[in-house]
C-alpha atoms as a PDB file:
ATOM      1  CA  MET A   1      -6.973   5.458   5.522  1.00  0.00           C
ATOM      2  CA  ALA A   2      -5.124   3.823   8.287  1.00  0.00           C
ATOM      3  CA  ASN A   3      -1.332   3.420   7.806  1.00  0.00           C
ATOM      4  CA  PHE A   4      -1.564   5.486   4.697  1.00  0.00           C
ATOM      5  CA  ASP A   5       1.244   8.019   4.629  1.00  0.00           C
ATOM      6  CA  GLN A   6       0.403  11.730   5.071  1.00  0.00           C
ATOM      7  CA  ILE A   7       3.775  13.377   4.079  1.00  0.00           C
ATOM      8  CA  PRO A   8       2.113  15.169   0.750  1.00  0.00           C
ATOM      9  CA  GLU A   9      -0.359  16.207   2.513  1.00  0.00           C
ATOM     10  CA  GLN A  10       1.563  17.844   5.970  1.00  0.00           C
ATOM     11  CA  ALA A  11       3.864  19.548   3.208  1.00  0.00           C
ATOM     12  CA  LEU A  12       0.501  21.098   1.882  1.00  0.00           C
ATOM     13  CA  ASP A  13      -0.413  22.165   5.098  1.00  0.00           C
ATOM     14  CA  TRP A  14       2.476  23.667   6.092  1.00  0.00           C
ATOM     15  CA  ILE A  15       2.600  25.964   2.916  1.00  0.00           C
ATOM     16  CA  TYR A  16      -0.789  26.872   4.000  1.00  0.00           C
ATOM     17  CA  VAL A  17       0.480  28.570   7.165  1.00  0.00           C
ATOM     18  CA  GLY A  18       2.902  30.103   5.453  1.00  0.00           C
ATOM     19  CA  LYS A  19       5.969  27.994   5.880  1.00  0.00           C
ATOM     20  CA  GLY A  20       8.339  27.101   3.384  1.00  0.00           C
ATOM     21  CA  THR A  21       8.688  23.792   3.455  1.00  0.00           C
ATOM     22  CA  VAL A  22      10.809  20.807   1.054  1.00  0.00           C
ATOM     23  CA  LEU A  23      10.101  17.715   0.332  1.00  0.00           C
ATOM     24  CA  ALA A  24      13.060  15.181   0.333  1.00  0.00           C
ATOM     25  CA  THR A  25      12.698  11.257  -1.547  1.00  0.00           C
ATOM     26  CA  VAL A  26      14.720   8.634  -1.490  1.00  0.00           C
ATOM     27  CA  ILE A  27      15.344   7.853  -5.543  1.00  0.00           C
ATOM     28  CA  GLN A  28      17.893   5.262  -5.336  1.00  0.00           C
ATOM     29  CA  THR A  29      19.628   2.907  -3.203  1.00  0.00           C
ATOM     30  CA  TRP A  30      22.350   0.235  -3.027  1.00  0.00           C
ATOM     31  CA  GLY A  31      22.779  -2.454  -0.683  1.00  0.00           C
ATOM     32  CA  SER A  32      20.920  -2.397   2.595  1.00  0.00           C
ATOM     33  CA  ALA A  33      19.528   0.409   2.803  1.00  0.00           C
ATOM     34  CA  PRO A  34      17.345   1.751   5.701  1.00  0.00           C
ATOM     35  CA  ARG A  35      14.186   3.238   3.889  1.00  0.00           C
ATOM     36  CA  PRO A  36      13.090   2.016   0.273  1.00  0.00           C
ATOM     37  CA  ILE A  37      12.903   4.495  -3.008  1.00  0.00           C
ATOM     38  CA  GLY A  38       9.790   6.200  -2.951  1.00  0.00           C
ATOM     39  CA  SER A  39      10.441   7.222   1.441  1.00  0.00           C
ATOM     40  CA  GLN A  40       9.676  10.568   1.468  1.00  0.00           C
ATOM     41  CA  LEU A  41      10.750  13.249   4.839  1.00  0.00           C
ATOM     42  CA  ALA A  42       8.943  16.972   4.896  1.00  0.00           C
ATOM     43  CA  ILE A  43      10.574  19.873   6.364  1.00  0.00           C
ATOM     44  CA  ASN A  44       9.983  23.171   6.874  1.00  0.00           C
ATOM     45  CA  GLU A  45      11.573  26.639   7.546  1.00  0.00           C
ATOM     46  CA  ASP A  46      10.997  25.470  11.249  1.00  0.00           C
ATOM     47  CA  MET A  47      13.206  21.948  10.960  1.00  0.00           C
ATOM     48  CA  GLU A  48      10.044  20.531  11.498  1.00  0.00           C
ATOM     49  CA  MET A  49      10.021  17.251  10.060  1.00  0.00           C
ATOM     50  CA  ALA A  50       7.630  14.228   8.940  1.00  0.00           C
ATOM     51  CA  GLY A  51       8.222  11.102   7.628  1.00  0.00           C
ATOM     52  CA  SER A  52      11.722   9.626   7.138  1.00  0.00           C
ATOM     53  CA  VAL A  53      14.387   9.215   4.194  1.00  0.00           C
ATOM     54  CA  SER A  54      16.501   7.005   6.427  1.00  0.00           C
ATOM     55  CA  GLY A  55      15.310   5.865   9.762  1.00  0.00           C
ATOM     56  CA  GLY A  56      17.492   8.712  10.969  1.00  0.00           C
ATOM     57  CA  CYS A  57      21.001   7.887   9.878  1.00  0.00           C
ATOM     58  CA  VAL A  58      21.301  10.859   7.328  1.00  0.00           C
ATOM     59  CA  GLU A  59      18.278  13.235   7.984  1.00  0.00           C
ATOM     60  CA  GLY A  60      20.205  15.905   9.874  1.00  0.00           C
ATOM     61  CA  ALA A  61      22.133  16.645   6.858  1.00  0.00           C
ATOM     62  CA  VAL A  62      19.151  15.942   4.643  1.00  0.00           C
ATOM     63  CA  VAL A  63      17.513  18.971   7.172  1.00  0.00           C
ATOM     64  CA  GLU A  64      20.378  20.953   6.562  1.00  0.00           C
ATOM     65  CA  GLU A  65      20.095  20.479   2.610  1.00  0.00           C
ATOM     66  CA  ALA A  66      17.148  21.425   3.073  1.00  0.00           C
ATOM     67  CA  MET A  67      17.296  24.861   4.446  1.00  0.00           C
ATOM     68  CA  ASN A  68      19.976  25.254   1.812  1.00  0.00           C
ATOM     69  CA  ALA A  69      17.299  25.130  -0.707  1.00  0.00           C
ATOM     70  CA  LEU A  70      14.642  26.945   0.865  1.00  0.00           C
ATOM     71  CA  GLU A  71      17.018  29.744   0.407  1.00  0.00           C
ATOM     72  CA  ASP A  72      18.260  29.152  -3.103  1.00  0.00           C
ATOM     73  CA  GLY A  73      14.808  27.752  -5.010  1.00  0.00           C
ATOM     74  CA  VAL A  74      17.386  25.298  -6.062  1.00  0.00           C
ATOM     75  CA  PRO A  75      16.279  20.948  -6.018  1.00  0.00           C
ATOM     76  CA  ARG A  76      19.381  18.835  -5.272  1.00  0.00           C
ATOM     77  CA  ILE A  77      20.535  15.172  -4.996  1.00  0.00           C
ATOM     78  CA  LEU A  78      22.253  13.907  -2.140  1.00  0.00           C
ATOM     79  CA  GLU A  79      24.174  11.032  -1.890  1.00  0.00           C
ATOM     80  CA  TYR A  80      24.960   9.255   1.110  1.00  0.00           C
ATOM     81  CA  GLY A  81      26.590   6.410   2.631  1.00  0.00           C
ATOM     82  CA  VAL A  82      25.412   4.140   5.528  1.00  0.00           C
ATOM     83  CA  SER A  83      28.399   2.533   7.503  1.00  0.00           C
ATOM     84  CA  ASP A  84      27.214  -0.946   8.992  1.00  0.00           C
ATOM     85  CA  GLU A  85      27.503   0.297  12.638  1.00  0.00           C
ATOM     86  CA  GLU A  86      24.568   2.874  11.544  1.00  0.00           C
ATOM     87  CA  ALA A  87      22.714   0.595   9.955  1.00  0.00           C
ATOM     88  CA  PHE A  88      22.849  -1.550  12.436  1.00  0.00           C
ATOM     89  CA  ALA A  89      21.329   1.106  14.880  1.00  0.00           C
ATOM     90  CA  VAL A  90      18.396   0.445  12.605  1.00  0.00           C
ATOM     91  CA  GLY A  91      17.779  -2.969  12.748  1.00  0.00           C
ATOM     92  CA  LEU A  92      19.682  -3.858   9.082  1.00  0.00           C
ATOM     93  CA  ALA A  93      22.340  -5.992   8.875  1.00  0.00           C
ATOM     94  CA  CYS A  94      24.947  -3.731   6.985  1.00  0.00           C
ATOM     95  CA  GLY A  95      25.720  -0.943   5.393  1.00  0.00           C
ATOM     96  CA  GLY A  96      24.463   0.557   1.644  1.00  0.00           C
ATOM     97  CA  ALA A  97      24.155   4.034   0.152  1.00  0.00           C
ATOM     98  CA  ILE A  98      20.979   6.202  -0.975  1.00  0.00           C
ATOM     99  CA  HIS A  99      20.358   9.329  -3.315  1.00  0.00           C
ATOM    100  CA  VAL A 100      17.997  11.947  -1.790  1.00  0.00           C
ATOM    101  CA  LEU A 101      16.301  14.027  -3.823  1.00  0.00           C
ATOM    102  CA  VAL A 102      15.596  17.391  -2.294  1.00  0.00           C
ATOM    103  CA  GLU A 103      12.874  19.785  -3.764  1.00  0.00           C
ATOM    104  CA  PRO A 104      12.050  23.303  -2.226  1.00  0.00           C
ATOM    105  CA  ILE A 105       7.963  23.502  -2.910  1.00  0.00           C
ATOM    106  CA  GLY A 106       7.033  26.660  -4.888  1.00  0.00           C
ATOM    107  CA  VAL A 107      10.387  28.147  -4.482  1.00  0.00           C
ATOM    108  CA  GLY A 108      12.885  28.754  -7.753  1.00  0.00           C
ATOM    109  CA  LYS A 109      13.151  25.120  -9.934  1.00  0.00           C
ATOM    110  CA  GLY A 110      11.127  22.912  -6.841  1.00  0.00           C
ATOM    111  CA  PRO A 111       7.847  22.017  -7.842  1.00  0.00           C
ATOM    112  CA  ASP A 112       5.078  24.262  -7.412  1.00  0.00           C
ATOM    113  CA  VAL A 113       2.177  24.016  -5.163  1.00  0.00           C
ATOM    114  CA  VAL A 114      -0.804  23.361  -7.818  1.00  0.00           C
ATOM    115  CA  LEU A 115       1.474  19.949  -8.600  1.00  0.00           C
ATOM    116  CA  LEU A 116       1.526  18.910  -5.047  1.00  0.00           C
ATOM    117  CA  GLU A 117      -2.385  19.841  -4.337  1.00  0.00           C
ATOM    118  CA  THR A 118      -2.725  18.044  -7.668  1.00  0.00           C
ATOM    119  CA  LEU A 119      -1.611  15.041  -6.141  1.00  0.00           C
ATOM    120  CA  ALA A 120      -2.892  15.202  -2.895  1.00  0.00           C
ATOM    121  CA  THR A 121      -6.410  15.149  -4.796  1.00  0.00           C
ATOM    122  CA  TYR A 122      -5.512  11.964  -6.623  1.00  0.00           C
ATOM    123  CA  ARG A 123      -4.644  10.772  -3.025  1.00  0.00           C
ATOM    124  CA  ALA A 124      -7.463  11.472  -1.081  1.00  0.00           C
ATOM    125  CA  ASP A 125      -9.564   9.976  -3.941  1.00  0.00           C
ATOM    126  CA  ARG A 126      -7.658   6.752  -3.514  1.00  0.00           C
ATOM    127  CA  ARG A 127      -6.717   6.806  -7.292  1.00  0.00           C
ATOM    128  CA  ALA A 128      -2.914   5.402  -8.269  1.00  0.00           C
ATOM    129  CA  VAL A 129      -0.660   8.362  -8.969  1.00  0.00           C
ATOM    130  CA  ALA A 130       2.626   8.945 -10.313  1.00  0.00           C
ATOM    131  CA  TYR A 131       5.000  12.296  -9.158  1.00  0.00           C
ATOM    132  CA  LEU A 132       7.719  12.087 -12.020  1.00  0.00           C
ATOM    133  CA  VAL A 133      10.043  14.399 -11.594  1.00  0.00           C
ATOM    134  CA  ASN A 134      13.243  14.723 -14.591  1.00  0.00           C
ATOM    135  CA  THR A 135      16.183  15.377 -12.737  1.00  0.00           C
ATOM    136  CA  LYS A 136      18.472  17.312 -15.637  1.00  0.00           C
ATOM    137  CA  SER A 137      15.652  19.473 -16.820  1.00  0.00           C
ATOM    138  CA  TRP A 138      13.659  19.387 -13.072  1.00  0.00           C
ATOM    139  CA  GLU A 139      10.759  19.235 -15.414  1.00  0.00           C
ATOM    140  CA  ARG A 140       7.664  17.327 -13.862  1.00  0.00           C
ATOM    141  CA  GLN A 141       4.569  15.637 -14.052  1.00  0.00           C
ATOM    142  CA  VAL A 142       1.680  14.264 -12.003  1.00  0.00           C
ATOM    143  CA  ILE A 143      -0.114  11.549 -13.896  1.00  0.00           C
ATOM    144  CA  GLY A 144      -2.301   8.698 -13.155  1.00  0.00           C
ATOM    145  CA  THR A 145      -1.702   6.145 -15.855  1.00  0.00           C
ATOM    146  CA  ASP A 146       1.495   6.942 -18.619  1.00  0.00           C
ATOM    147  CA  PHE A 147       3.579   9.759 -19.697  1.00  0.00           C
ATOM    148  CA  ASN A 148       4.376   9.664 -23.352  1.00  0.00           C
ATOM    149  CA  ALA A 149       6.472   6.820 -24.409  1.00  0.00           C
ATOM    150  CA  ILE A 150       6.609   5.290 -20.184  1.00  0.00           C
ATOM    151  CA  ASP A 151       4.297   2.276 -19.506  1.00  0.00           C
ATOM    152  CA  LEU A 152       3.782   2.946 -15.985  1.00  0.00           C
ATOM    153  CA  ALA A 153       1.783  -0.075 -15.232  1.00  0.00           C
ATOM    154  CA  PRO A 154       3.976  -2.379 -14.448  1.00  0.00           C
ATOM    155  CA  ARG A 155       5.063  -0.201 -11.760  1.00  0.00           C
ATOM    156  CA  PHE A 156       1.801   0.540  -9.952  1.00  0.00           C
ATOM    157  CA  THR A 157       1.121  -3.460 -10.228  1.00  0.00           C
ATOM    158  CA  SER A 158       4.111  -3.863  -8.187  1.00  0.00           C
ATOM    159  CA  ASP A 159       4.146  -0.721  -6.436  1.00  0.00           C
ATOM    160  CA  LYS A 160       7.530   0.373  -7.483  1.00  0.00           C
ATOM    161  CA  SER A 161       8.787   3.530  -7.646  1.00  0.00           C
ATOM    162  CA  GLY A 162      12.426   3.925  -9.496  1.00  0.00           C
ATOM    163  CA  PHE A 163      14.186   5.632 -12.562  1.00  0.00           C
ATOM    164  CA  GLU A 164      12.634   5.204 -16.265  1.00  0.00           C
ATOM    165  CA  GLY A 165      15.289   7.034 -18.316  1.00  0.00           C
ATOM    166  CA  ASP A 166      16.173  10.749 -16.447  1.00  0.00           C
ATOM    167  CA  TRP A 167      12.767  10.717 -15.286  1.00  0.00           C
ATOM    168  CA  PHE A 168      12.434   9.887 -11.654  1.00  0.00           C
ATOM    169  CA  VAL A 169       8.861   8.122 -11.218  1.00  0.00           C
ATOM    170  CA  ASN A 170       7.504   8.032  -6.880  1.00  0.00           C
ATOM    171  CA  ILE A 171       4.301   5.700  -7.604  1.00  0.00           C
ATOM    172  CA  HIS A 172       1.509   6.835  -5.030  1.00  0.00           C
ATOM    173  CA  ASN A 173      -1.199   3.858  -4.737  1.00  0.00           C
ATOM    174  CA  PRO A 174      -3.674   4.128  -2.676  1.00  0.00           C
ATOM    175  CA  PRO A 175      -3.801   2.245   0.861  1.00  0.00           C
ATOM    176  CA  LEU A 176      -4.638  -1.561   0.140  1.00  0.00           C
ATOM    177  CA  ARG A 177      -7.714  -2.808   1.114  1.00  0.00           C
ATOM    178  CA  MET A 178      -9.095  -6.310   2.915  1.00  0.00           C
ATOM    179  CA  ILE A 179     -12.389  -7.167   3.101  1.00  0.00           C
ATOM    180  CA  VAL A 180     -12.664  -9.828   5.516  1.00  0.00           C
ATOM    181  CA  VAL A 181     -16.876 -12.249   5.297  1.00  0.00           C
ATOM    182  CA  GLY A 182     -17.717 -13.779   8.600  1.00  0.00           C
ATOM    183  CA  ALA A 183     -16.983 -12.718  11.945  1.00  0.00           C
ATOM    184  CA  VAL A 184     -15.429 -16.191  13.443  1.00  0.00           C
ATOM    185  CA  HIS A 185     -12.808 -16.750  15.571  1.00  0.00           C
ATOM    186  CA  ILE A 186      -9.972 -16.431  13.180  1.00  0.00           C
ATOM    187  CA  ALA A 187     -11.127 -13.436  11.704  1.00  0.00           C
ATOM    188  CA  GLN A 188      -9.985 -11.871  15.201  1.00  0.00           C
ATOM    189  CA  PRO A 189      -6.216 -12.290  14.433  1.00  0.00           C
ATOM    190  CA  LEU A 190      -6.336 -11.404  11.010  1.00  0.00           C
ATOM    191  CA  MET A 191      -8.092  -8.152  11.269  1.00  0.00           C
ATOM    192  CA  GLN A 192      -5.119  -7.247  13.490  1.00  0.00           C
ATOM    193  CA  LEU A 193      -2.601  -8.401  11.206  1.00  0.00           C
ATOM    194  CA  ALA A 194      -4.289  -6.768   8.186  1.00  0.00           C
ATOM    195  CA  ARG A 195      -3.856  -3.461  10.295  1.00  0.00           C
ATOM    196  CA  VAL A 196      -0.352  -3.945  11.363  1.00  0.00           C
ATOM    197  CA  ALA A 197       0.304  -4.724   7.694  1.00  0.00           C
ATOM    198  CA  GLY A 198      -1.024  -1.367   6.372  1.00  0.00           C
ATOM    199  CA  TYR A 199      -4.482  -2.603   5.124  1.00  0.00           C
ATOM    200  CA  ASP A 200      -7.766  -0.567   5.544  1.00  0.00           C
ATOM    201  CA  ALA A 201      -9.195  -3.720   6.886  1.00  0.00           C
ATOM    202  CA  VAL A 202     -13.490  -4.018   7.019  1.00  0.00           C
ATOM    203  CA  LEU A 203     -14.717  -7.117   8.916  1.00  0.00           C
ATOM    204  CA  VAL A 204     -18.405  -8.286   6.960  1.00  0.00           C
ATOM    205  CA  ASP A 205     -21.110 -10.371   8.543  1.00  0.00           C
ATOM    206  CA  PRO A 206     -24.840 -10.047   8.476  1.00  0.00           C
ATOM    207  CA  ARG A 207     -25.303 -11.914  12.207  1.00  0.00           C
ATOM    208  CA  GLU A 208     -25.069  -9.109  14.257  1.00  0.00           C
ATOM    209  CA  ALA A 209     -24.495 -11.757  17.293  1.00  0.00           C
ATOM    210  CA  PHE A 210     -21.132 -12.463  15.804  1.00  0.00           C
ATOM    211  CA  ALA A 211     -19.541  -9.382  14.484  1.00  0.00           C
ATOM    212  CA  THR A 212     -19.718  -7.308  17.457  1.00  0.00           C
ATOM    213  CA  ASN A 213     -17.475  -4.741  19.191  1.00  0.00           C
ATOM    214  CA  ALA A 214     -17.179  -6.758  22.358  1.00  0.00           C
ATOM    215  CA  ARG A 215     -15.392  -9.267  19.820  1.00  0.00           C
ATOM    216  CA  PHE A 216     -13.988  -7.329  17.178  1.00  0.00           C
ATOM    217  CA  PRO A 217     -12.727  -4.045  19.485  1.00  0.00           C
ATOM    218  CA  GLY A 218     -11.765  -1.154  16.850  1.00  0.00           C
ATOM    219  CA  GLU A 219     -12.615  -2.903  14.186  1.00  0.00           C
ATOM    220  CA  ARG A 220     -14.634  -1.642  10.948  1.00  0.00           C
ATOM    221  CA  LEU A 221     -17.670  -3.837  11.252  1.00  0.00           C
ATOM    222  CA  VAL A 222     -20.283  -4.060   8.031  1.00  0.00           C
ATOM    223  CA  HIS A 223     -23.355  -6.213   9.020  1.00  0.00           C
ATOM    224  CA  ASP A 224     -24.915  -6.143   4.602  1.00  0.00           C
ATOM    225  CA  TRP A 225     -25.294  -8.804   2.963  1.00  0.00           C
ATOM    226  CA  PRO A 226     -21.790  -9.751   2.201  1.00  0.00           C
ATOM    227  CA  ASP A 227     -22.267  -9.558  -2.185  1.00  0.00           C
ATOM    228  CA  GLU A 228     -24.112  -6.094  -1.003  1.00  0.00           C
ATOM    229  CA  ALA A 229     -21.073  -4.852   1.407  1.00  0.00           C
ATOM    230  CA  LEU A 230     -18.638  -5.916  -1.247  1.00  0.00           C
ATOM    231  CA  GLU A 231     -20.250  -3.749  -4.155  1.00  0.00           C
ATOM    232  CA  ALA A 232     -21.106  -0.969  -1.532  1.00  0.00           C
ATOM    233  CA  GLU A 233     -17.302  -0.754  -0.955  1.00  0.00           C
ATOM    234  CA  GLY A 234     -15.795  -1.141  -4.326  1.00  0.00           C
ATOM    235  CA  LEU A 235     -13.415  -4.006  -5.524  1.00  0.00           C
ATOM    236  CA  ASP A 236      -9.900  -3.222  -7.199  1.00  0.00           C
ATOM    237  CA  ALA A 237      -6.814  -4.645  -7.831  1.00  0.00           C
ATOM    238  CA  ARG A 238      -5.517  -3.349  -4.275  1.00  0.00           C
ATOM    239  CA  VAL A 239      -8.352  -5.651  -2.568  1.00  0.00           C
ATOM    240  CA  ALA A 240      -7.543  -8.611  -1.111  1.00  0.00           C
ATOM    241  CA  VAL A 241     -11.019 -10.557  -0.041  1.00  0.00           C
ATOM    242  CA  VAL A 242     -10.947 -14.274   2.595  1.00  0.00           C
ATOM    243  CA  THR A 243     -13.942 -15.371   3.458  1.00  0.00           C
ATOM    244  CA  LEU A 244     -14.351 -17.417   6.480  1.00  0.00           C
ATOM    245  CA  THR A 245     -17.945 -18.391   7.601  1.00  0.00           C
ATOM    246  CA  HIS A 246     -18.045 -22.071   5.870  1.00  0.00           C
ATOM    247  CA  ASP A 247     -21.708 -21.156   5.154  1.00  0.00           C
ATOM    248  CA  PRO A 248     -22.894 -21.045   1.524  1.00  0.00           C
ATOM    249  CA  LYS A 249     -25.285 -18.410   1.787  1.00  0.00           C
ATOM    250  CA  LEU A 250     -22.443 -15.930   3.338  1.00  0.00           C
ATOM    251  CA  ASP A 251     -19.347 -17.035   1.206  1.00  0.00           C
ATOM    252  CA  ASP A 252     -20.768 -17.809  -1.979  1.00  0.00           C
ATOM    253  CA  PRO A 253     -22.530 -14.394  -2.797  1.00  0.00           C
ATOM    254  CA  ALA A 254     -19.378 -12.685  -1.853  1.00  0.00           C
ATOM    255  CA  ILE A 255     -17.086 -15.393  -3.814  1.00  0.00           C
ATOM    256  CA  LYS A 256     -19.494 -14.305  -7.427  1.00  0.00           C
ATOM    257  CA  VAL A 257     -18.751 -11.043  -6.648  1.00  0.00           C
ATOM    258  CA  SER A 258     -15.054 -11.071  -6.604  1.00  0.00           C
ATOM    259  CA  MET A 259     -14.365 -13.408  -9.214  1.00  0.00           C
ATOM    260  CA  ALA A 260     -16.084 -11.213 -11.338  1.00  0.00           C
ATOM    261  CA  SER A 261     -13.772  -8.455  -9.902  1.00  0.00           C
ATOM    262  CA  ASP A 262      -9.947  -7.563 -10.139  1.00  0.00           C
ATOM    263  CA  VAL A 263      -8.981  -7.782  -6.421  1.00  0.00           C
ATOM    264  CA  PHE A 264      -5.357  -9.312  -7.006  1.00  0.00           C
ATOM    265  CA  TYR A 265      -6.517 -11.954  -3.873  1.00  0.00           C
ATOM    266  CA  LEU A 266      -9.696 -14.072  -3.177  1.00  0.00           C
ATOM    267  CA  GLY A 267      -9.190 -16.807  -0.679  1.00  0.00           C
ATOM    268  CA  CYS A 268     -11.673 -18.920   0.920  1.00  0.00           C
ATOM    269  CA  LEU A 269     -11.569 -20.957   4.217  1.00  0.00           C
ATOM    270  CA  GLY A 270     -12.346 -24.844   3.918  1.00  0.00           C
ATOM    271  CA  SER A 271     -11.048 -28.249   3.429  1.00  0.00           C
ATOM    272  CA  THR A 272     -10.481 -29.526  -0.182  1.00  0.00           C
ATOM    273  CA  ARG A 273     -13.786 -31.502   0.360  1.00  0.00           C
ATOM    274  CA  THR A 274     -15.403 -28.540   0.475  1.00  0.00           C
ATOM    275  CA  HIS A 275     -13.648 -26.575  -1.774  1.00  0.00           C
ATOM    276  CA  ALA A 276     -14.653 -29.352  -4.179  1.00  0.00           C
ATOM    277  CA  LYS A 277     -18.253 -28.955  -3.345  1.00  0.00           C
ATOM    278  CA  ARG A 278     -18.130 -25.384  -3.754  1.00  0.00           C
ATOM    279  CA  VAL A 279     -16.448 -25.395  -7.031  1.00  0.00           C
ATOM    280  CA  ILE A 280     -19.697 -27.349  -8.061  1.00  0.00           C
ATOM    281  CA  ARG A 281     -21.644 -24.809  -6.874  1.00  0.00           C
ATOM    282  CA  LEU A 282     -19.660 -22.367  -8.962  1.00  0.00           C
ATOM    283  CA  LYS A 283     -20.201 -24.482 -12.411  1.00  0.00           C
ATOM    284  CA  GLU A 284     -23.553 -24.769 -12.206  1.00  0.00           C
ATOM    285  CA  ALA A 285     -24.113 -21.051 -11.484  1.00  0.00           C
ATOM    286  CA  GLY A 286     -22.186 -20.478 -14.678  1.00  0.00           C
ATOM    287  CA  PHE A 287     -18.457 -19.421 -13.967  1.00  0.00           C
ATOM    288  CA  THR A 288     -15.619 -21.440 -16.579  1.00  0.00           C
ATOM    289  CA  ASP A 289     -12.353 -23.043 -14.710  1.00  0.00           C
ATOM    290  CA  ALA A 290     -10.530 -19.864 -15.151  1.00  0.00           C
ATOM    291  CA  GLN A 291     -12.515 -17.733 -13.291  1.00  0.00           C
ATOM    292  CA  ILE A 292     -12.551 -20.392 -10.497  1.00  0.00           C
ATOM    293  CA  ALA A 293      -9.171 -20.607 -10.356  1.00  0.00           C
ATOM    294  CA  LYS A 294      -9.044 -17.264  -9.036  1.00  0.00           C
ATOM    295  CA  ILE A 295      -9.568 -18.892  -5.667  1.00  0.00           C
ATOM    296  CA  HIS A 296      -7.169 -19.829  -3.370  1.00  0.00           C
ATOM    297  CA  ALA A 297      -8.472 -22.868  -1.210  1.00  0.00           C
ATOM    298  CA  PRO A 298      -7.907 -23.837   1.092  1.00  0.00           C
ATOM    299  CA  VAL A 299      -6.833 -20.335   2.266  1.00  0.00           C
ATOM    300  CA  GLY A 300      -3.266 -19.479   3.402  1.00  0.00           C
ATOM    301  CA  ALA A 301       0.029 -20.917   2.528  1.00  0.00           C
ATOM    302  CA  ASP A 302       0.770 -23.875   3.459  1.00  0.00           C
ATOM    303  CA  ILE A 303       3.148 -23.759   6.794  1.00  0.00           C
ATOM    304  CA  GLY A 304       1.239 -26.539   9.075  1.00  0.00           C
ATOM    305  CA  SER A 305      -1.057 -23.652  10.714  1.00  0.00           C
ATOM    306  CA  LYS A 306      -3.386 -25.109  13.544  1.00  0.00           C
ATOM    307  CA  THR A 307      -4.789 -22.439  15.637  1.00  0.00           C
ATOM    308  CA  PRO A 308      -7.035 -19.337  14.787  1.00  0.00           C
ATOM    309  CA  ALA A 309      -3.940 -17.136  14.942  1.00  0.00           C
ATOM    310  CA  GLU A 310      -1.354 -18.989  12.803  1.00  0.00           C
ATOM    311  CA  ILE A 311      -3.812 -19.781  10.001  1.00  0.00           C
ATOM    312  CA  ALA A 312      -4.089 -15.757  10.374  1.00  0.00           C
ATOM    313  CA  ILE A 313      -0.802 -15.698  10.054  1.00  0.00           C
ATOM    314  CA  SER A 314      -0.767 -18.034   7.111  1.00  0.00           C
ATOM    315  CA  ILE A 315      -3.377 -16.124   5.477  1.00  0.00           C
ATOM    316  CA  MET A 316      -1.445 -12.938   5.435  1.00  0.00           C
ATOM    317  CA  ALA A 317       1.493 -14.467   4.315  1.00  0.00           C
ATOM    318  CA  GLN A 318      -0.182 -16.085   1.550  1.00  0.00           C
ATOM    319  CA  ILE A 319      -1.977 -12.830   0.886  1.00  0.00           C
ATOM    320  CA  THR A 320       1.634 -10.841   0.913  1.00  0.00           C
ATOM    321  CA  GLU A 321       3.048 -13.291  -1.571  1.00  0.00           C
ATOM    322  CA  ARG A 322       0.397 -13.011  -4.476  1.00  0.00           C
ATOM    323  CA  LEU A 323       1.013  -9.036  -3.791  1.00  0.00           C
ATOM    324  CA  ARG A 324       4.612  -9.042  -4.068  1.00  0.00           C
ATOM    325  CA  ARG A 325       5.045 -11.807  -6.278  1.00  0.00           C
ATOM    326  CA  PRO A 326       2.015 -11.015  -9.542  1.00  0.00           C
ATOM    327  CA  GLU A 327       3.401 -13.421 -11.231  1.00  0.00           C
ATOM    328  CA  THR A 328       2.093 -16.434  -8.417  1.00  0.00           C
ATOM    329  CA  ARG A 329      -1.188 -15.281  -9.020  1.00  0.00           C
ATOM    330  CA  ARG A 330      -3.336 -17.739 -10.287  1.00  0.00           C
END
């Protein structure tokens, strides 16, 4: 679960050793806010911190209010403006404003520890979950799908936290995953880019001479047959699959498993001519035009890429577009 923030888990760890702890969450932003809605900061009674709500602009003030919340047990919503100068210091072009929710855990009107443990259990199981808090009544829920009449499916899909009436909904999606089939040259920079972008990435290739630790240091390598590997890894709407081998014996099994799943992206290396042959094979195997249309081929955004690194960049660009702009998905 690389790059998956562990802020709620860190908060629980501090609670378990007897340290009073507060969770601060960005709940609204305007302008060029340093951190997106849903970003969290955990603070304990010793003023140890994990995470961030502003990249450093207002953390000091939030810590002070966190200590007050631990003392009186009252959650509060803080309002901060970020000046142009402060924004520039954290890499933004201009300032903005943020609202930060501060909740003392297990104290007064703050969330109880069991609620936070439920949230942590969902996250550990890689299940999408939402933490809801009513900012008027301080009622709270941890749920996996919906709450009363609120349909949260669009928020889970878009990974977007925010308000539904008086309820603030903090979306906790599992880490994005990428499965790359084929230990070819392009896979080397692609695996690196995937990790930088926050994906749990795995490289699948039964050819052990190709998928070696020497060629892919630090990467997770699977030497099973692609369809078996993908089924073992599990495919869902938080997974991108990229096939790179050019070999139908390796690519096609992975493609067939992926088309029958909910993966948000399926990209396949190969020229237009190669893809045309692939389409014929898939139709002969009984796949429909609608299923085949899920494939992005030739893989990658059309940015004129030539080198393996440039092709990897184009693939990540297209994956990002499909993730963040669901309307562009096939």
